PDB file of N, CA and C in Angstrom:
ATOM      1  N   UNK A   1    -136.355-134.109  35.046  1.00  0.00           N
ATOM      2  CA  UNK A   1    -135.628-132.958  35.753  1.00  0.00           C
ATOM      3  C   UNK A   1    -134.370-133.611  36.432  1.00  0.00           C
ATOM      4  N   UNK A   2    -133.473-132.257  36.069  1.00  0.00           N
ATOM      5  CA  UNK A   2    -132.048-132.202  35.759  1.00  0.00           C
ATOM      6  C   UNK A   2    -131.544-131.231  36.847  1.00  0.00           C
ATOM      7  N   UNK A   3    -130.159-131.542  37.150  1.00  0.00           N
ATOM      8  CA  UNK A   3    -129.536-130.298  37.671  1.00  0.00           C
ATOM      9  C   UNK A   3    -128.036-130.163  36.921  1.00  0.00           C
ATOM     10  N   UNK A   4    -128.113-127.934  37.352  1.00  0.00           N
ATOM     11  CA  UNK A   4    -126.632-127.554  36.925  1.00  0.00           C
ATOM     12  C   UNK A   4    -125.933-126.781  37.364  1.00  0.00           C
ATOM     13  N   UNK A   5    -124.802-126.840  37.036  1.00  0.00           N
ATOM     14  CA  UNK A   5    -124.017-125.897  38.241  1.00  0.00           C
ATOM     15  C   UNK A   5    -124.727-124.701  38.024  1.00  0.00           C
ATOM     16  N   UNK A   6    -124.575-123.874  39.719  1.00  0.00           N
ATOM     17  CA  UNK A   6    -125.066-122.508  39.998  1.00  0.00           C
ATOM     18  C   UNK A   6    -124.811-121.769  39.386  1.00  0.00           C
ATOM     19  N   UNK A   7    -123.507-121.826  38.616  1.00  0.00           N
ATOM     20  CA  UNK A   7    -122.749-120.490  38.037  1.00  0.00           C
ATOM     21  C   UNK A   7    -123.150-120.553  36.521  1.00  0.00           C
ATOM     22  N   UNK A   8    -124.120-121.773  36.014  1.00  0.00           N
ATOM     23  CA  UNK A   8    -125.104-121.515  34.839  1.00  0.00           C
ATOM     24  C   UNK A   8    -125.857-120.478  34.025  1.00  0.00           C
ATOM     25  N   UNK A   9    -126.008-120.134  33.168  1.00  0.00           N
ATOM     26  CA  UNK A   9    -127.265-119.551  33.018  1.00  0.00           C
ATOM     27  C   UNK A   9    -128.274-120.298  32.693  1.00  0.00           C
ATOM     28  N   UNK A  10    -129.648-119.743  33.228  1.00  0.00           N
ATOM     29  CA  UNK A  10    -130.864-120.761  33.022  1.00  0.00           C
ATOM     30  C   UNK A  10    -131.680-121.031  31.408  1.00  0.00           C
ATOM     31  N   UNK A  11    -131.270-120.456  30.777  1.00  0.00           N
ATOM     32  CA  UNK A  11    -131.723-120.902  29.357  1.00  0.00           C
ATOM     33  C   UNK A  11    -131.247-121.770  28.138  1.00  0.00           C
ATOM     34  N   UNK A  12    -129.914-122.199  28.820  1.00  0.00           N
ATOM     35  CA  UNK A  12    -129.773-123.018  28.091  1.00  0.00           C
ATOM     36  C   UNK A  12    -129.611-124.664  28.531  1.00  0.00           C
ATOM     37  N   UNK A  13    -129.788-125.205  30.439  1.00  0.00           N
ATOM     38  CA  UNK A  13    -130.289-125.631  30.659  1.00  0.00           C
ATOM     39  C   UNK A  13    -132.083-125.952  30.202  1.00  0.00           C
ATOM     40  N   UNK A  14    -132.755-124.794  30.559  1.00  0.00           N
ATOM     41  CA  UNK A  14    -134.657-124.811  30.026  1.00  0.00           C
ATOM     42  C   UNK A  14    -134.426-125.317  28.643  1.00  0.00           C
ATOM     43  N   UNK A  15    -133.633-125.189  27.133  1.00  0.00           N
ATOM     44  CA  UNK A  15    -133.636-125.226  26.716  1.00  0.00           C
ATOM     45  C   UNK A  15    -133.544-127.152  26.653  1.00  0.00           C
ATOM     46  N   UNK A  16    -132.632-127.505  27.766  1.00  0.00           N
ATOM     47  CA  UNK A  16    -132.607-129.001  27.489  1.00  0.00           C
ATOM     48  C   UNK A  16    -133.676-129.749  28.165  1.00  0.00           C
ATOM     49  N   UNK A  17    -133.828-129.204  29.551  1.00  0.00           N
ATOM     50  CA  UNK A  17    -135.345-129.879  29.777  1.00  0.00           C
ATOM     51  C   UNK A  17    -136.978-129.640  28.566  1.00  0.00           C
ATOM     52  N   UNK A  18    -136.924-128.430  27.568  1.00  0.00           N
ATOM     53  CA  UNK A  18    -137.673-128.705  26.436  1.00  0.00           C
ATOM     54  C   UNK A  18    -137.368-129.572  25.759  1.00  0.00           C
ATOM     55  N   UNK A  19    -136.209-129.927  25.546  1.00  0.00           N
ATOM     56  CA  UNK A  19    -136.110-131.327  24.192  1.00  0.00           C
ATOM     57  C   UNK A  19    -136.008-132.758  25.040  1.00  0.00           C
ATOM     58  N   UNK A  20    -135.965-132.731  26.591  1.00  0.00           N
ATOM     59  CA  UNK A  20    -136.319-133.835  26.893  1.00  0.00           C
ATOM     60  C   UNK A  20    -137.517-134.053  27.148  1.00  0.00           C
ATOM     61  N   UNK A  21    -138.805-133.316  27.397  1.00  0.00           N
ATOM     62  CA  UNK A  21    -139.864-133.226  27.620  1.00  0.00           C
ATOM     63  C   UNK A  21    -140.688-133.658  25.978  1.00  0.00           C
ATOM     64  N   UNK A  22    -139.637-132.890  25.240  1.00  0.00           N
ATOM     65  CA  UNK A  22    -140.474-132.970  23.542  1.00  0.00           C
ATOM     66  C   UNK A  22    -141.642-132.878  23.427  1.00  0.00           C
ATOM     67  N   UNK A  23    -142.482-133.509  22.687  1.00  0.00           N
ATOM     68  CA  UNK A  23    -143.721-133.621  22.105  1.00  0.00           C
ATOM     69  C   UNK A  23    -144.877-134.081  23.561  1.00  0.00           C
ATOM     70  N   UNK A  24    -143.966-134.972  24.265  1.00  0.00           N
ATOM     71  CA  UNK A  24    -145.349-135.469  25.203  1.00  0.00           C
ATOM     72  C   UNK A  24    -145.932-135.067  25.563  1.00  0.00           C
ATOM     73  N   UNK A  25    -146.186-133.441  26.381  1.00  0.00           N
ATOM     74  CA  UNK A  25    -147.145-133.149  26.378  1.00  0.00           C
ATOM     75  C   UNK A  25    -147.466-131.651  25.689  1.00  0.00           C
ATOM     76  N   UNK A  26    -147.842-132.208  24.114  1.00  0.00           N
ATOM     77  CA  UNK A  26    -147.816-131.110  23.427  1.00  0.00           C
ATOM     78  C   UNK A  26    -149.269-130.399  23.600  1.00  0.00           C
ATOM     79  N   UNK A  27    -149.103-128.899  23.577  1.00  0.00           N
ATOM     80  CA  UNK A  27    -150.318-128.242  23.445  1.00  0.00           C
ATOM     81  C   UNK A  27    -150.072-127.390  24.369  1.00  0.00           C
ATOM     82  N   UNK A  28    -149.551-128.267  25.771  1.00  0.00           N
ATOM     83  CA  UNK A  28    -149.425-127.055  27.078  1.00  0.00           C
ATOM     84  C   UNK A  28    -148.568-125.828  26.420  1.00  0.00           C
ATOM     85  N   UNK A  29    -148.899-125.085  27.210  1.00  0.00           N
ATOM     86  CA  UNK A  29    -148.207-123.878  27.590  1.00  0.00           C
ATOM     87  C   UNK A  29    -147.296-123.484  27.863  1.00  0.00           C
ATOM     88  N   UNK A  30    -145.709-123.078  28.044  1.00  0.00           N
ATOM     89  CA  UNK A  30    -144.698-123.076  28.951  1.00  0.00           C
ATOM     90  C   UNK A  30    -144.338-121.699  29.191  1.00  0.00           C
ATOM     91  N   UNK A  31    -145.059-121.855  30.581  1.00  0.00           N
ATOM     92  CA  UNK A  31    -144.642-120.514  31.470  1.00  0.00           C
ATOM     93  C   UNK A  31    -143.695-120.065  32.208  1.00  0.00           C
ATOM     94  N   UNK A  32    -142.776-119.680  31.186  1.00  0.00           N
ATOM     95  CA  UNK A  32    -141.634-118.748  31.608  1.00  0.00           C
ATOM     96  C   UNK A  32    -141.040-117.736  31.967  1.00  0.00           C
ATOM     97  N   UNK A  33    -139.716-117.578  32.767  1.00  0.00           N
ATOM     98  CA  UNK A  33    -139.857-115.807  33.282  1.00  0.00           C
ATOM     99  C   UNK A  33    -138.612-114.832  32.215  1.00  0.00           C
ATOM    100  N   UNK A  34    -137.743-114.542  32.361  1.00  0.00           N
ATOM    101  CA  UNK A  34    -137.679-113.188  31.002  1.00  0.00           C
ATOM    102  C   UNK A  34    -135.732-113.792  30.931  1.00  0.00           C
ATOM    103  N   UNK A  35    -135.838-114.980  31.891  1.00  0.00           N
ATOM    104  CA  UNK A  35    -134.624-115.723  31.425  1.00  0.00           C
ATOM    105  C   UNK A  35    -134.565-116.471  30.679  1.00  0.00           C
ATOM    106  N   UNK A  36    -135.843-116.644  29.918  1.00  0.00           N
ATOM    107  CA  UNK A  36    -135.819-117.741  28.592  1.00  0.00           C
ATOM    108  C   UNK A  36    -136.736-117.073  27.854  1.00  0.00           C
ATOM    109  N   UNK A  37    -136.277-115.651  27.705  1.00  0.00           N
ATOM    110  CA  UNK A  37    -137.448-114.866  26.336  1.00  0.00           C
ATOM    111  C   UNK A  37    -136.377-115.289  25.077  1.00  0.00           C
ATOM    112  N   UNK A  38    -135.188-115.488  25.179  1.00  0.00           N
ATOM    113  CA  UNK A  38    -134.353-115.401  23.714  1.00  0.00           C
ATOM    114  C   UNK A  38    -135.621-116.264  22.719  1.00  0.00           C
ATOM    115  N   UNK A  39    -135.149-115.726  21.243  1.00  0.00           N
ATOM    116  CA  UNK A  39    -135.531-116.275  20.471  1.00  0.00           C
ATOM    117  C   UNK A  39    -135.786-118.096  20.287  1.00  0.00           C
ATOM    118  N   UNK A  40    -133.789-118.628  20.582  1.00  0.00           N
ATOM    119  CA  UNK A  40    -133.389-119.689  20.218  1.00  0.00           C
ATOM    120  C   UNK A  40    -134.466-120.649  20.932  1.00  0.00           C
ATOM    121  N   UNK A  41    -134.665-120.250  22.504  1.00  0.00           N
ATOM    122  CA  UNK A  41    -135.963-121.633  23.352  1.00  0.00           C
ATOM    123  C   UNK A  41    -136.961-121.464  23.290  1.00  0.00           C
ATOM    124  N   UNK A  42    -137.362-119.788  22.382  1.00  0.00           N
ATOM    125  CA  UNK A  42    -138.711-119.955  22.129  1.00  0.00           C
ATOM    126  C   UNK A  42    -139.414-120.325  20.565  1.00  0.00           C
ATOM    127  N   UNK A  43    -138.338-120.928  20.010  1.00  0.00           N
ATOM    128  CA  UNK A  43    -138.616-121.058  18.858  1.00  0.00           C
ATOM    129  C   UNK A  43    -138.526-122.556  18.914  1.00  0.00           C
ATOM    130  N   UNK A  44    -137.953-123.544  19.862  1.00  0.00           N
ATOM    131  CA  UNK A  44    -137.478-124.978  20.590  1.00  0.00           C
ATOM    132  C   UNK A  44    -139.160-125.325  20.889  1.00  0.00           C
ATOM    133  N   UNK A  45    -139.315-124.582  22.226  1.00  0.00           N
ATOM    134  CA  UNK A  45    -140.610-124.785  22.331  1.00  0.00           C
ATOM    135  C   UNK A  45    -141.714-124.703  21.460  1.00  0.00           C
ATOM    136  N   UNK A  46    -141.989-124.015  20.370  1.00  0.00           N
ATOM    137  CA  UNK A  46    -142.840-123.861  19.315  1.00  0.00           C
ATOM    138  C   UNK A  46    -142.568-125.143  18.515  1.00  0.00           C
ATOM    139  N   UNK A  47    -141.152-125.666  18.389  1.00  0.00           N
ATOM    140  CA  UNK A  47    -140.916-126.546  17.247  1.00  0.00           C
ATOM    141  C   UNK A  47    -141.350-128.197  18.005  1.00  0.00           C
ATOM    142  N   UNK A  48    -141.367-127.774  19.913  1.00  0.00           N
ATOM    143  CA  UNK A  48    -142.231-129.152  20.436  1.00  0.00           C
ATOM    144  C   UNK A  48    -143.978-128.988  20.809  1.00  0.00           C
ATOM    145  N   UNK A  49    -144.528-128.354  20.372  1.00  0.00           N
ATOM    146  CA  UNK A  49    -145.582-127.958  20.121  1.00  0.00           C
ATOM    147  C   UNK A  49    -146.071-127.275  21.388  1.00  0.00           C
ATOM    148  N   UNK A  50    -145.114-126.207  21.729  1.00  0.00           N
ATOM    149  CA  UNK A  50    -146.044-125.218  22.864  1.00  0.00           C
ATOM    150  C   UNK A  50    -145.848-123.980  22.499  1.00  0.00           C
ATOM    151  N   UNK A  51    -146.805-124.230  23.418  1.00  0.00           N
ATOM    152  CA  UNK A  51    -147.209-122.270  23.128  1.00  0.00           C
ATOM    153  C   UNK A  51    -146.249-121.748  24.231  1.00  0.00           C
ATOM    154  N   UNK A  52    -144.809-120.918  23.429  1.00  0.00           N
ATOM    155  CA  UNK A  52    -144.320-120.103  24.990  1.00  0.00           C
ATOM    156  C   UNK A  52    -144.707-118.380  25.315  1.00  0.00           C
ATOM    157  N   UNK A  53    -145.046-118.997  27.327  1.00  0.00           N
ATOM    158  CA  UNK A  53    -145.896-117.532  27.526  1.00  0.00           C
ATOM    159  C   UNK A  53    -144.951-117.047  28.336  1.00  0.00           C
ATOM    160  N   UNK A  54    -143.854-116.090  27.460  1.00  0.00           N
ATOM    161  CA  UNK A  54    -142.522-115.345  28.337  1.00  0.00           C
ATOM    162  C   UNK A  54    -142.987-113.844  28.003  1.00  0.00           C
ATOM    163  N   UNK A  55    -142.577-112.434  28.367  1.00  0.00           N
ATOM    164  CA  UNK A  55    -142.657-111.014  28.430  1.00  0.00           C
ATOM    165  C   UNK A  55    -141.534-110.801  27.980  1.00  0.00           C
ATOM    166  N   UNK A  56    -141.230-110.166  27.136  1.00  0.00           N
ATOM    167  CA  UNK A  56    -140.070-109.362  27.089  1.00  0.00           C
ATOM    168  C   UNK A  56    -139.486-108.998  27.073  1.00  0.00           C
ATOM    169  N   UNK A  57    -138.321-108.734  27.092  1.00  0.00           N
ATOM    170  CA  UNK A  57    -137.264-107.776  28.184  1.00  0.00           C
ATOM    171  C   UNK A  57    -137.394-106.431  27.952  1.00  0.00           C
ATOM    172  N   UNK A  58    -137.378-105.303  29.034  1.00  0.00           N
ATOM    173  CA  UNK A  58    -137.917-104.269  28.263  1.00  0.00           C
ATOM    174  C   UNK A  58    -136.844-103.529  27.023  1.00  0.00           C
ATOM    175  N   UNK A  59    -135.865-103.699  27.090  1.00  0.00           N
ATOM    176  CA  UNK A  59    -135.044-103.363  25.670  1.00  0.00           C
ATOM    177  C   UNK A  59    -135.351-104.072  25.265  1.00  0.00           C
ATOM    178  N   UNK A  60    -135.811-104.814  24.598  1.00  0.00           N
ATOM    179  CA  UNK A  60    -136.306-105.471  23.515  1.00  0.00           C
ATOM    180  C   UNK A  60    -136.857-104.029  22.098  1.00  0.00           C
ATOM    181  N   UNK A  61    -135.974-104.364  21.140  1.00  0.00           N
ATOM    182  CA  UNK A  61    -136.915-103.584  19.680  1.00  0.00           C
ATOM    183  C   UNK A  61    -137.857-104.368  19.264  1.00  0.00           C
ATOM    184  N   UNK A  62    -138.088-105.527  19.696  1.00  0.00           N
ATOM    185  CA  UNK A  62    -139.541-105.969  18.711  1.00  0.00           C
ATOM    186  C   UNK A  62    -140.038-106.819  19.340  1.00  0.00           C
ATOM    187  N   UNK A  63    -140.782-106.050  20.557  1.00  0.00           N
ATOM    188  CA  UNK A  63    -141.681-106.825  21.552  1.00  0.00           C
ATOM    189  C   UNK A  63    -142.593-107.891  20.902  1.00  0.00           C
ATOM    190  N   UNK A  64    -142.723-108.861  21.414  1.00  0.00           N
ATOM    191  CA  UNK A  64    -144.231-109.632  21.264  1.00  0.00           C
ATOM    192  C   UNK A  64    -144.974-109.637  22.642  1.00  0.00           C
ATOM    193  N   UNK A  65    -146.111-110.019  22.082  1.00  0.00           N
ATOM    194  CA  UNK A  65    -147.392-110.351  22.603  1.00  0.00           C
ATOM    195  C   UNK A  65    -147.700-111.291  23.346  1.00  0.00           C
ATOM    196  N   UNK A  66    -148.249-111.384  24.754  1.00  0.00           N
ATOM    197  CA  UNK A  66    -148.614-112.532  25.183  1.00  0.00           C
ATOM    198  C   UNK A  66    -149.636-112.585  25.673  1.00  0.00           C
ATOM    199  N   UNK A  67    -149.834-114.189  26.455  1.00  0.00           N
ATOM    200  CA  UNK A  67    -150.915-114.067  27.249  1.00  0.00           C
ATOM    201  C   UNK A  67    -151.021-113.949  28.270  1.00  0.00           C
ATOM    202  N   UNK A  68    -151.263-112.716  29.157  1.00  0.00           N
ATOM    203  CA  UNK A  68    -150.819-111.979  30.698  1.00  0.00           C
ATOM    204  C   UNK A  68    -151.462-112.417  32.002  1.00  0.00           C
ATOM    205  N   UNK A  69    -153.168-113.289  30.939  1.00  0.00           N
ATOM    206  CA  UNK A  69    -153.519-113.862  32.453  1.00  0.00           C
ATOM    207  C   UNK A  69    -153.101-115.639  32.326  1.00  0.00           C
ATOM    208  N   UNK A  70    -153.012-115.921  31.319  1.00  0.00           N
ATOM    209  CA  UNK A  70    -151.935-117.443  31.181  1.00  0.00           C
ATOM    210  C   UNK A  70    -150.429-116.796  32.706  1.00  0.00           C
ATOM    211  N   UNK A  71    -149.480-115.862  32.155  1.00  0.00           N
ATOM    212  CA  UNK A  71    -148.113-115.758  32.686  1.00  0.00           C
ATOM    213  C   UNK A  71    -148.619-115.607  34.271  1.00  0.00           C
ATOM    214  N   UNK A  72    -149.878-114.983  34.553  1.00  0.00           N
ATOM    215  CA  UNK A  72    -150.047-114.660  36.301  1.00  0.00           C
ATOM    216  C   UNK A  72    -150.040-116.255  36.674  1.00  0.00           C
ATOM    217  N   UNK A  73    -149.990-117.268  36.287  1.00  0.00           N
ATOM    218  CA  UNK A  73    -150.045-118.415  36.930  1.00  0.00           C
ATOM    219  C   UNK A  73    -149.107-119.007  37.523  1.00  0.00           C
ATOM    220  N   UNK A  74    -147.756-118.161  36.615  1.00  0.00           N
ATOM    221  CA  UNK A  74    -146.468-118.683  36.302  1.00  0.00           C
ATOM    222  C   UNK A  74    -146.261-118.989  38.210  1.00  0.00           C
ATOM    223  N   UNK A  75    -147.312-117.997  39.001  1.00  0.00           N
ATOM    224  CA  UNK A  75    -146.705-117.708  40.251  1.00  0.00           C
ATOM    225  C   UNK A  75    -146.644-119.318  41.433  1.00  0.00           C
ATOM    226  N   UNK A  76    -147.874-120.320  40.496  1.00  0.00           N
ATOM    227  CA  UNK A  76    -147.923-121.397  41.229  1.00  0.00           C
ATOM    228  C   UNK A  76    -146.714-122.034  41.356  1.00  0.00           C
ATOM    229  N   UNK A  77    -146.011-122.075  40.597  1.00  0.00           N
ATOM    230  CA  UNK A  77    -144.445-122.560  40.457  1.00  0.00           C
ATOM    231  C   UNK A  77    -143.451-121.901  41.230  1.00  0.00           C
ATOM    232  N   UNK A  78    -143.243-120.836  41.358  1.00  0.00           N
ATOM    233  CA  UNK A  78    -142.554-119.699  42.237  1.00  0.00           C
ATOM    234  C   UNK A  78    -142.701-120.427  43.620  1.00  0.00           C
ATOM    235  N   UNK A  79    -144.274-120.839  43.525  1.00  0.00           N
ATOM    236  CA  UNK A  79    -144.712-120.541  45.226  1.00  0.00           C
ATOM    237  C   UNK A  79    -143.799-122.347  45.917  1.00  0.00           C
ATOM    238  N   UNK A  80    -144.228-122.859  44.610  1.00  0.00           N
ATOM    239  CA  UNK A  80    -143.814-124.420  44.959  1.00  0.00           C
ATOM    240  C   UNK A  80    -142.259-124.214  44.622  1.00  0.00           C
ATOM    241  N   UNK A  81    -141.078-123.315  44.666  1.00  0.00           N
ATOM    242  CA  UNK A  81    -140.218-123.334  44.397  1.00  0.00           C
ATOM    243  C   UNK A  81    -139.606-123.041  46.004  1.00  0.00           C
ATOM    244  N   UNK A  82    -140.644-122.093  46.080  1.00  0.00           N
ATOM    245  CA  UNK A  82    -140.488-121.276  47.988  1.00  0.00           C
ATOM    246  C   UNK A  82    -140.665-121.948  48.415  1.00  0.00           C
ATOM    247  N   UNK A  83    -141.619-123.357  48.634  1.00  0.00           N
ATOM    248  CA  UNK A  83    -141.978-124.496  49.565  1.00  0.00           C
ATOM    249  C   UNK A  83    -141.037-125.001  49.578  1.00  0.00           C
ATOM    250  N   UNK A  84    -139.879-125.409  48.792  1.00  0.00           N
ATOM    251  CA  UNK A  84    -138.545-126.869  48.380  1.00  0.00           C
ATOM    252  C   UNK A  84    -137.843-126.385  49.276  1.00  0.00           C
ATOM    253  N   UNK A  85    -137.828-124.641  49.293  1.00  0.00           N
ATOM    254  CA  UNK A  85    -136.608-123.522  49.369  1.00  0.00           C
ATOM    255  C   UNK A  85    -137.064-123.964  51.272  1.00  0.00           C
ATOM    256  N   UNK A  86    -137.684-124.588  52.072  1.00  0.00           N
ATOM    257  CA  UNK A  86    -138.267-124.299  53.137  1.00  0.00           C
ATOM    258  C   UNK A  86    -137.462-125.252  53.984  1.00  0.00           C
ATOM    259  N   UNK A  87    -137.120-126.604  52.951  1.00  0.00           N
ATOM    260  CA  UNK A  87    -136.124-127.647  53.431  1.00  0.00           C
ATOM    261  C   UNK A  87    -135.096-126.887  53.479  1.00  0.00           C
ATOM    262  N   UNK A  88    -134.287-127.161  54.424  1.00  0.00           N
ATOM    263  CA  UNK A  88    -133.269-126.363  54.696  1.00  0.00           C
ATOM    264  C   UNK A  88    -132.013-127.387  53.534  1.00  0.00           C
ATOM    265  N   UNK A  89    -132.366-128.450  53.748  1.00  0.00           N
ATOM    266  CA  UNK A  89    -131.002-129.473  53.223  1.00  0.00           C
ATOM    267  C   UNK A  89    -131.114-128.932  51.845  1.00  0.00           C
ATOM    268  N   UNK A  90    -132.220-128.956  51.167  1.00  0.00           N
ATOM    269  CA  UNK A  90    -132.393-128.449  49.748  1.00  0.00           C
ATOM    270  C   UNK A  90    -131.834-127.054  49.254  1.00  0.00           C
ATOM    271  N   UNK A  91    -132.137-126.013  50.435  1.00  0.00           N
ATOM    272  CA  UNK A  91    -131.653-124.841  50.185  1.00  0.00           C
ATOM    273  C   UNK A  91    -130.127-124.627  50.161  1.00  0.00           C
ATOM    274  N   UNK A  92    -129.851-125.731  51.103  1.00  0.00           N
ATOM    275  CA  UNK A  92    -128.094-125.014  51.580  1.00  0.00           C
ATOM    276  C   UNK A  92    -127.307-126.322  50.414  1.00  0.00           C
ATOM    277  N   UNK A  93    -127.791-127.402  50.086  1.00  0.00           N
ATOM    278  CA  UNK A  93    -127.449-128.357  49.428  1.00  0.00           C
ATOM    279  C   UNK A  93    -126.073-129.037  49.841  1.00  0.00           C
ATOM    280  N   UNK A  94    -126.707-129.786  51.122  1.00  0.00           N
ATOM    281  CA  UNK A  94    -125.573-130.255  52.043  1.00  0.00           C
ATOM    282  C   UNK A  94    -125.235-131.834  51.094  1.00  0.00           C
ATOM    283  N   UNK A  95    -125.910-132.153  50.694  1.00  0.00           N
ATOM    284  CA  UNK A  95    -125.967-133.383  49.753  1.00  0.00           C
ATOM    285  C   UNK A  95    -124.428-132.876  48.817  1.00  0.00           C
ATOM    286  N   UNK A  96    -123.104-134.043  49.104  1.00  0.00           N
ATOM    287  CA  UNK A  96    -122.363-133.988  47.661  1.00  0.00           C
ATOM    288  C   UNK A  96    -122.174-134.929  46.484  1.00  0.00           C
ATOM    289  N   UNK A  97    -123.389-135.526  46.607  1.00  0.00           N
ATOM    290  CA  UNK A  97    -123.449-136.031  45.512  1.00  0.00           C
ATOM    291  C   UNK A  97    -124.887-135.519  44.550  1.00  0.00           C
ATOM    292  N   UNK A  98    -125.334-135.772  43.461  1.00  0.00           N
ATOM    293  CA  UNK A  98    -126.654-135.154  42.734  1.00  0.00           C
ATOM    294  C   UNK A  98    -127.689-136.142  43.322  1.00  0.00           C
ATOM    295  N   UNK A  99    -126.881-137.529  43.599  1.00  0.00           N
ATOM    296  CA  UNK A  99    -127.852-138.686  43.456  1.00  0.00           C
ATOM    297  C   UNK A  99    -128.678-138.316  44.586  1.00  0.00           C
ATOM    298  N   UNK A 100    -127.967-138.185  45.957  1.00  0.00           N
ATOM    299  CA  UNK A 100    -128.868-137.908  47.105  1.00  0.00           C
ATOM    300  C   UNK A 100    -129.139-136.296  47.084  1.00  0.00           C
ATOM    301  N   UNK A 101    -129.093-135.113  46.549  1.00  0.00           N
ATOM    302  CA  UNK A 101    -129.937-134.453  46.787  1.00  0.00           C
ATOM    303  C   UNK A 101    -131.465-134.615  46.453  1.00  0.00           C
ATOM    304  N   UNK A 102    -130.699-135.382  44.768  1.00  0.00           N
ATOM    305  CA  UNK A 102    -132.357-135.100  44.054  1.00  0.00           C
ATOM    306  C   UNK A 102    -133.039-136.366  44.148  1.00  0.00           C
ATOM    307  N   UNK A 103    -132.582-136.914  45.688  1.00  0.00           N
ATOM    308  CA  UNK A 103    -133.737-138.325  46.140  1.00  0.00           C
ATOM    309  C   UNK A 103    -134.286-137.154  47.320  1.00  0.00           C
ATOM    310  N   UNK A 104    -133.601-136.228  48.428  1.00  0.00           N
ATOM    311  CA  UNK A 104    -134.017-135.459  49.139  1.00  0.00           C
ATOM    312  C   UNK A 104    -135.145-134.375  48.252  1.00  0.00           C
ATOM    313  N   UNK A 105    -134.917-133.815  47.267  1.00  0.00           N
ATOM    314  CA  UNK A 105    -135.499-132.693  46.516  1.00  0.00           C
ATOM    315  C   UNK A 105    -137.032-133.632  46.484  1.00  0.00           C
ATOM    316  N   UNK A 106    -136.984-135.257  46.028  1.00  0.00           N
ATOM    317  CA  UNK A 106    -138.137-136.260  45.749  1.00  0.00           C
ATOM    318  C   UNK A 106    -139.018-135.830  46.805  1.00  0.00           C
ATOM    319  N   UNK A 107    -137.582-136.357  48.303  1.00  0.00           N
ATOM    320  CA  UNK A 107    -138.778-136.772  49.390  1.00  0.00           C
ATOM    321  C   UNK A 107    -139.374-135.249  50.388  1.00  0.00           C
ATOM    322  N   UNK A 108    -138.884-133.940  49.845  1.00  0.00           N
ATOM    323  CA  UNK A 108    -139.397-132.588  50.058  1.00  0.00           C
ATOM    324  C   UNK A 108    -141.029-132.882  49.170  1.00  0.00           C
ATOM    325  N   UNK A 109    -141.028-133.142  48.067  1.00  0.00           N
ATOM    326  CA  UNK A 109    -142.151-132.736  46.917  1.00  0.00           C
ATOM    327  C   UNK A 109    -143.246-133.519  47.863  1.00  0.00           C
ATOM    328  N   UNK A 110    -142.814-134.707  48.489  1.00  0.00           N
ATOM    329  CA  UNK A 110    -143.885-135.651  48.773  1.00  0.00           C
ATOM    330  C   UNK A 110    -144.473-135.803  49.726  1.00  0.00           C
ATOM    331  N   UNK A 111    -143.282-134.718  51.120  1.00  0.00           N
ATOM    332  CA  UNK A 111    -143.889-133.998  51.784  1.00  0.00           C
ATOM    333  C   UNK A 111    -144.558-133.567  51.889  1.00  0.00           C
ATOM    334  N   UNK A 112    -144.391-132.618  50.783  1.00  0.00           N
ATOM    335  CA  UNK A 112    -145.605-130.823  50.435  1.00  0.00           C
ATOM    336  C   UNK A 112    -146.579-131.592  49.777  1.00  0.00           C
ATOM    337  N   UNK A 113    -146.927-132.410  49.166  1.00  0.00           N
ATOM    338  CA  UNK A 113    -147.918-132.848  48.636  1.00  0.00           C
ATOM    339  C   UNK A 113    -148.868-133.598  49.607  1.00  0.00           C
ATOM    340  N   UNK A 114    -148.329-134.430  50.695  1.00  0.00           N
ATOM    341  CA  UNK A 114    -148.532-134.909  51.558  1.00  0.00           C
ATOM    342  C   UNK A 114    -149.604-134.409  52.690  1.00  0.00           C
ATOM    343  N   UNK A 115    -148.377-132.758  52.741  1.00  0.00           N
ATOM    344  CA  UNK A 115    -149.220-132.008  53.535  1.00  0.00           C
ATOM    345  C   UNK A 115    -150.366-131.356  53.201  1.00  0.00           C
TER     346      UNK A 115
END
C-alpha cells in the first residue's frame, strides 16, 4: 500500500501497485474501475499473471468483453473504502506525515476487522 497526492491520476498509481505486487498473487483477477481501463494498465496486469476485469469506457471504439459477474464483486472493495472513510481522521487527513496517516489507516482496518 502506498500514498499518492490527491491531485494525481489513479492509473499511474495503480500501475505502481500492480508492479509492487508482481506475480506474488498470480492468477488472481484484478477488479478495476474505468479509471484503470487503459491499455498500459491492462497489459501490465496480464504480464504479471492477472486477469484484468474492467469495463471499457463508453466512448471506446474497440470495446472488449469482461466478466460482469466477477466485476460485480468489486463492490466489496468500495464498501471497505466507505467504512474506512467513516473514520473522520482518515477522511479529512488530519495527519501531517504519511507515516502517521498510514498508521491510522492500519488502525482503522484493525478496528473494522475486530467489529
